C-alpha atoms as a PDB file:
ATOM      1  CA  UNK A   1       0.000   0.000   0.000  1.00  0.00           C
ATOM      2  CA  UNK A   2       2.826   2.420   0.861  1.00  0.00           C
ATOM      3  CA  UNK A   3       4.485   1.702  -2.468  1.00  0.00           C
ATOM      4  CA  UNK A   4       1.238   2.449  -4.325  1.00  0.00           C
ATOM      5  CA  UNK A   5       0.843   5.753  -2.439  1.00  0.00           C
ATOM      6  CA  UNK A   6       4.472   6.665  -3.109  1.00  0.00           C
ATOM      7  CA  UNK A   7       4.015   5.986  -6.857  1.00  0.00           C
ATOM      8  CA  UNK A   8       0.848   8.125  -6.879  1.00  0.00           C
ATOM      9  CA  UNK A   9       2.684  10.977  -5.133  1.00  0.00           C
ATOM     10  CA  UNK A  10       5.577  10.838  -7.621  1.00  0.00           C
ATOM     11  CA  UNK A  11       3.120  10.827 -10.545  1.00  0.00           C
ATOM     12  CA  UNK A  12       1.290  13.852  -9.113  1.00  0.00           C
ATOM     13  CA  UNK A  13       4.547  15.778  -8.621  1.00  0.00           C
ATOM     14  CA  UNK A  14       5.693  14.907 -12.131  1.00  0.00           C
ATOM     15  CA  UNK A  15       2.422  16.113 -13.673  1.00  0.00           C
ATOM     16  CA  UNK A  16       2.528  19.321 -11.615  1.00  0.00           C
ATOM     17  CA  UNK A  17       6.122  20.021 -12.682  1.00  0.00           C
ATOM     18  CA  UNK A  18       5.249  19.336 -16.323  1.00  0.00           C
ATOM     19  CA  UNK A  19       2.348  21.791 -16.127  1.00  0.00           C
ATOM     20  CA  UNK A  20       4.537  24.559 -14.719  1.00  0.00           C
ATOM     21  CA  UNK A  21       5.196  27.276 -17.263  1.00  0.00           C
ATOM     22  CA  UNK A  22       8.620  28.732 -17.823  1.00  0.00           C
ATOM     23  CA  UNK A  23       8.854  32.546 -17.666  1.00  0.00           C
ATOM     24  CA  UNK A  24       8.654  32.975 -21.449  1.00  0.00           C
ATOM     25  CA  UNK A  25       5.795  30.518 -22.039  1.00  0.00           C
ATOM     26  CA  UNK A  26       3.038  33.083 -21.676  1.00  0.00           C
ATOM     27  CA  UNK A  27       2.198  33.262 -25.380  1.00  0.00           C
ATOM     28  CA  UNK A  28      -1.217  31.646 -25.925  1.00  0.00           C
ATOM     29  CA  UNK A  29      -0.545  30.847 -29.606  1.00  0.00           C
ATOM     30  CA  UNK A  30       0.705  27.382 -30.614  1.00  0.00           C
ATOM     31  CA  UNK A  31       4.499  27.383 -30.637  1.00  0.00           C
ATOM     32  CA  UNK A  32       5.168  26.863 -34.339  1.00  0.00           C
ATOM     33  CA  UNK A  33       1.967  28.004 -36.058  1.00  0.00           C
ATOM     34  CA  UNK A  34       2.563  31.742 -35.682  1.00  0.00           C
ATOM     35  CA  UNK A  35       6.345  31.789 -35.506  1.00  0.00           C
ATOM     36  CA  UNK A  36       8.147  34.149 -37.806  1.00  0.00           C
ATOM     37  CA  UNK A  37      11.543  32.909 -36.620  1.00  0.00           C
ATOM     38  CA  UNK A  38      12.415  29.224 -36.199  1.00  0.00           C
ATOM     39  CA  UNK A  39      15.027  27.457 -34.080  1.00  0.00           C
ATOM     40  CA  UNK A  40      16.736  25.073 -36.497  1.00  0.00           C
ATOM     41  CA  UNK A  41      19.336  23.166 -34.470  1.00  0.00           C
ATOM     42  CA  UNK A  42      21.096  21.629 -32.494  1.00  0.00           C
ATOM     43  CA  UNK A  43      18.665  19.386 -30.631  1.00  0.00           C
ATOM     44  CA  UNK A  44      21.438  17.568 -28.773  1.00  0.00           C
ATOM     45  CA  UNK A  45      25.104  18.243 -28.066  1.00  0.00           C
ATOM     46  CA  UNK A  46      27.900  16.322 -26.391  1.00  0.00           C
ATOM     47  CA  UNK A  47      30.399  18.198 -24.261  1.00  0.00           C
ATOM     48  CA  UNK A  48      33.417  17.291 -22.166  1.00  0.00           C
ATOM     49  CA  UNK A  49      32.333  17.502 -18.529  1.00  0.00           C
ATOM     50  CA  UNK A  50      33.687  20.569 -16.739  1.00  0.00           C
ATOM     51  CA  UNK A  51      35.016  22.240 -19.894  1.00  0.00           C
ATOM     52  CA  UNK A  52      33.686  25.337 -21.634  1.00  0.00           C
ATOM     53  CA  UNK A  53      32.215  24.700 -25.091  1.00  0.00           C
ATOM     54  CA  UNK A  54      30.820  27.159 -27.598  1.00  0.00           C
ATOM     55  CA  UNK A  55      27.481  25.961 -28.952  1.00  0.00           C
ATOM     56  CA  UNK A  56      26.113  27.459 -32.158  1.00  0.00           C
ATOM     57  CA  UNK A  57      22.342  27.976 -32.113  1.00  0.00           C
ATOM     58  CA  UNK A  58      20.918  28.282 -35.625  1.00  0.00           C
ATOM     59  CA  UNK A  59      17.798  30.349 -36.352  1.00  0.00           C
ATOM     60  CA  UNK A  60      15.933  31.319 -39.517  1.00  0.00           C
ATOM     61  CA  UNK A  61      13.782  34.397 -40.107  1.00  0.00           C
ATOM     62  CA  UNK A  62      10.882  33.792 -42.506  1.00  0.00           C
ATOM     63  CA  UNK A  63      11.362  35.144 -46.037  1.00  0.00           C
ATOM     64  CA  UNK A  64      10.356  38.778 -46.521  1.00  0.00           C
ATOM     65  CA  UNK A  65      10.822  39.630 -42.846  1.00  0.00           C
ATOM     66  CA  UNK A  66      13.560  41.041 -40.638  1.00  0.00           C
ATOM     67  CA  UNK A  67      13.991  41.173 -36.877  1.00  0.00           C
ATOM     68  CA  UNK A  68      15.790  43.769 -34.814  1.00  0.00           C
ATOM     69  CA  UNK A  69      19.313  42.714 -33.920  1.00  0.00           C
ATOM     70  CA  UNK A  70      20.382  42.223 -30.311  1.00  0.00           C
ATOM     71  CA  UNK A  71      21.625  45.828 -30.364  1.00  0.00           C
ATOM     72  CA  UNK A  72      19.129  48.010 -32.260  1.00  0.00           C
ATOM     73  CA  UNK A  73      20.267  51.550 -33.001  1.00  0.00           C
ATOM     74  CA  UNK A  74      17.173  53.110 -31.385  1.00  0.00           C
ATOM     75  CA  UNK A  75      16.180  52.550 -27.760  1.00  0.00           C
ATOM     76  CA  UNK A  76      12.498  52.308 -28.724  1.00  0.00           C
ATOM     77  CA  UNK A  77      13.109  49.134 -30.791  1.00  0.00           C
ATOM     78  CA  UNK A  78      12.838  45.706 -29.167  1.00  0.00           C
ATOM     79  CA  UNK A  79      16.167  43.831 -29.210  1.00  0.00           C
ATOM     80  CA  UNK A  80      16.490  40.127 -29.946  1.00  0.00           C
ATOM     81  CA  UNK A  81      17.318  38.288 -26.712  1.00  0.00           C
ATOM     82  CA  UNK A  82      18.134  34.719 -25.711  1.00  0.00           C
ATOM     83  CA  UNK A  83      16.544  33.738 -22.389  1.00  0.00           C
ATOM     84  CA  UNK A  84      17.506  30.475 -20.656  1.00  0.00           C
ATOM     85  CA  UNK A  85      17.070  28.755 -17.327  1.00  0.00           C
ATOM     86  CA  UNK A  86      20.184  27.062 -15.985  1.00  0.00           C
ATOM     87  CA  UNK A  87      19.375  23.673 -14.490  1.00  0.00           C
ATOM     88  CA  UNK A  88      21.650  22.357 -11.723  1.00  0.00           C
ATOM     89  CA  UNK A  89      25.002  21.211 -13.124  1.00  0.00           C
ATOM     90  CA  UNK A  90      24.820  23.410 -16.228  1.00  0.00           C
ATOM     91  CA  UNK A  91      26.244  26.875 -16.706  1.00  0.00           C
ATOM     92  CA  UNK A  92      25.443  29.116 -19.662  1.00  0.00           C
ATOM     93  CA  UNK A  93      28.220  31.674 -19.997  1.00  0.00           C
ATOM     94  CA  UNK A  94      28.404  34.612 -22.356  1.00  0.00           C
ATOM     95  CA  UNK A  95      26.083  34.647 -25.352  1.00  0.00           C
ATOM     96  CA  UNK A  96      27.456  36.162 -28.551  1.00  0.00           C
ATOM     97  CA  UNK A  97      25.093  37.505 -31.185  1.00  0.00           C
ATOM     98  CA  UNK A  98      26.199  38.267 -34.736  1.00  0.00           C
ATOM     99  CA  UNK A  99      26.479  41.855 -35.874  1.00  0.00           C
ATOM    100  CA  UNK A 100      23.270  43.143 -37.383  1.00  0.00           C
ATOM    101  CA  UNK A 101      22.937  44.028 -41.051  1.00  0.00           C
ATOM    102  CA  UNK A 102      22.037  47.578 -42.101  1.00  0.00           C
ATOM    103  CA  UNK A 103      18.464  47.880 -43.340  1.00  0.00           C
ATOM    104  CA  UNK A 104      16.716  50.978 -44.644  1.00  0.00           C
ATOM    105  CA  UNK A 105      12.968  51.456 -44.949  1.00  0.00           C
ATOM    106  CA  UNK A 106      11.665  53.298 -48.011  1.00  0.00           C
ATOM    107  CA  UNK A 107       9.711  55.660 -45.724  1.00  0.00           C
ATOM    108  CA  UNK A 108      12.911  56.678 -43.868  1.00  0.00           C
ATOM    109  CA  UNK A 109      15.839  56.414 -46.313  1.00  0.00           C
ATOM    110  CA  UNK A 110      18.242  58.240 -43.971  1.00  0.00           C
ATOM    111  CA  UNK A 111      17.640  55.910 -41.011  1.00  0.00           C
ATOM    112  CA  UNK A 112      19.475  52.599 -40.877  1.00  0.00           C
ATOM    113  CA  UNK A 113      18.190  49.754 -38.753  1.00  0.00           C
ATOM    114  CA  UNK A 114      20.341  46.915 -37.407  1.00  0.00           C
ATOM    115  CA  UNK A 115      18.521  43.664 -38.275  1.00  0.00           C
ATOM    116  CA  UNK A 116      18.801  39.926 -38.864  1.00  0.00           C
ATOM    117  CA  UNK A 117      17.339  38.295 -41.977  1.00  0.00           C
ATOM    118  CA  UNK A 118      17.489  34.749 -43.294  1.00  0.00           C
ATOM    119  CA  UNK A 119      19.611  32.401 -41.192  1.00  0.00           C
ATOM    120  CA  UNK A 120      21.740  33.626 -38.309  1.00  0.00           C
ATOM    121  CA  UNK A 121      23.778  31.972 -35.549  1.00  0.00           C
ATOM    122  CA  UNK A 122      23.946  32.814 -31.846  1.00  0.00           C
ATOM    123  CA  UNK A 123      26.897  31.405 -29.900  1.00  0.00           C
ATOM    124  CA  UNK A 124      26.432  30.348 -26.274  1.00  0.00           C
ATOM    125  CA  UNK A 125      29.187  29.200 -23.913  1.00  0.00           C
ATOM    126  CA  UNK A 126      28.135  26.030 -22.088  1.00  0.00           C
ATOM    127  CA  UNK A 127      29.827  24.193 -19.205  1.00  0.00           C
ATOM    128  CA  UNK A 128      28.246  21.099 -17.641  1.00  0.00           C
ATOM    129  CA  UNK A 129      28.958  18.533 -14.972  1.00  0.00           C
ATOM    130  CA  UNK A 130      28.919  14.891 -15.997  1.00  0.00           C
ATOM    131  CA  UNK A 131      25.448  13.618 -16.944  1.00  0.00           C
ATOM    132  CA  UNK A 132      22.420  14.596 -19.002  1.00  0.00           C
ATOM    133  CA  UNK A 133      21.090  18.160 -18.836  1.00  0.00           C
ATOM    134  CA  UNK A 134      18.335  20.047 -20.616  1.00  0.00           C
ATOM    135  CA  UNK A 135      18.684  23.645 -21.762  1.00  0.00           C
ATOM    136  CA  UNK A 136      15.260  25.239 -21.977  1.00  0.00           C
ATOM    137  CA  UNK A 137      14.943  28.748 -23.257  1.00  0.00           C
ATOM    138  CA  UNK A 138      13.488  31.052 -25.823  1.00  0.00           C
ATOM    139  CA  UNK A 139      14.612  33.592 -28.380  1.00  0.00           C
ATOM    140  CA  UNK A 140      12.560  36.765 -27.957  1.00  0.00           C
ATOM    141  CA  UNK A 141      12.244  38.838 -31.119  1.00  0.00           C
ATOM    142  CA  UNK A 142      10.124  41.356 -32.969  1.00  0.00           C
ATOM    143  CA  UNK A 143       9.634  40.704 -36.664  1.00  0.00           C
ATOM    144  CA  UNK A 144       8.740  43.322 -39.246  1.00  0.00           C
ATOM    145  CA  UNK A 145       8.067  43.469 -42.962  1.00  0.00           C
ATOM    146  CA  UNK A 146       8.492  46.553 -45.148  1.00  0.00           C
ATOM    147  CA  UNK A 147       5.191  48.057 -43.933  1.00  0.00           C
ATOM    148  CA  UNK A 148       4.711  47.142 -40.282  1.00  0.00           C
ATOM    149  CA  UNK A 149       5.945  45.245 -37.244  1.00  0.00           C
ATOM    150  CA  UNK A 150       4.312  42.306 -35.505  1.00  0.00           C
ATOM    151  CA  UNK A 151       3.947  41.986 -31.735  1.00  0.00           C
ATOM    152  CA  UNK A 152       7.034  40.540 -30.003  1.00  0.00           C
ATOM    153  CA  UNK A 153       7.161  36.742 -29.926  1.00  0.00           C
ATOM    154  CA  UNK A 154       9.277  34.000 -28.403  1.00  0.00           C
ATOM    155  CA  UNK A 155      10.471  30.862 -30.176  1.00  0.00           C
ATOM    156  CA  UNK A 156      11.285  27.921 -27.854  1.00  0.00           C
ATOM    157  CA  UNK A 157      14.862  26.637 -27.715  1.00  0.00           C
ATOM    158  CA  UNK A 158      15.447  23.178 -26.213  1.00  0.00           C
ATOM    159  CA  UNK A 159      18.791  21.383 -26.302  1.00  0.00           C
ATOM    160  CA  UNK A 160      19.742  18.102 -24.666  1.00  0.00           C
ATOM    161  CA  UNK A 161      23.292  18.371 -23.280  1.00  0.00           C
ATOM    162  CA  UNK A 162      25.220  15.136 -22.679  1.00  0.00           C
ATOM    163  CA  UNK A 163      28.392  15.766 -20.659  1.00  0.00           C
ATOM    164  CA  UNK A 164      31.010  13.006 -20.351  1.00  0.00           C
END
């Protein structure tokens, strides 16, 4: 009987933990249906335990769109950000974004925006203790076309880290 109760308690805790939302999971829209930027890869990486490794995170902006870079030239523009939660045994060090590309709107030919288009790569420094770890995060961005900008969105980023 005790074993049955213990199994029921573990199942309840597991379901409660699975239902818990991460800080960036407040978007009601289905994850991929309305995404204008997509996380391409990696889904899993292997690292040497206790050693720093640079991991390249590949993203793609839908055709015909651009997103503000991580360092937009105007304070009123929403920067692209990578948000992660560090589980025990995993450390995410500095995150390096690529330089943005200059982009000019026809309505403001003298103003240059710093944007990402097409595919781009974000580099994250990862250090893990021996074992399996899960990086859960999101890339927050604001996408625009030549006429208007969409509300900010977040694309999920999940990577299984195997440290040996």
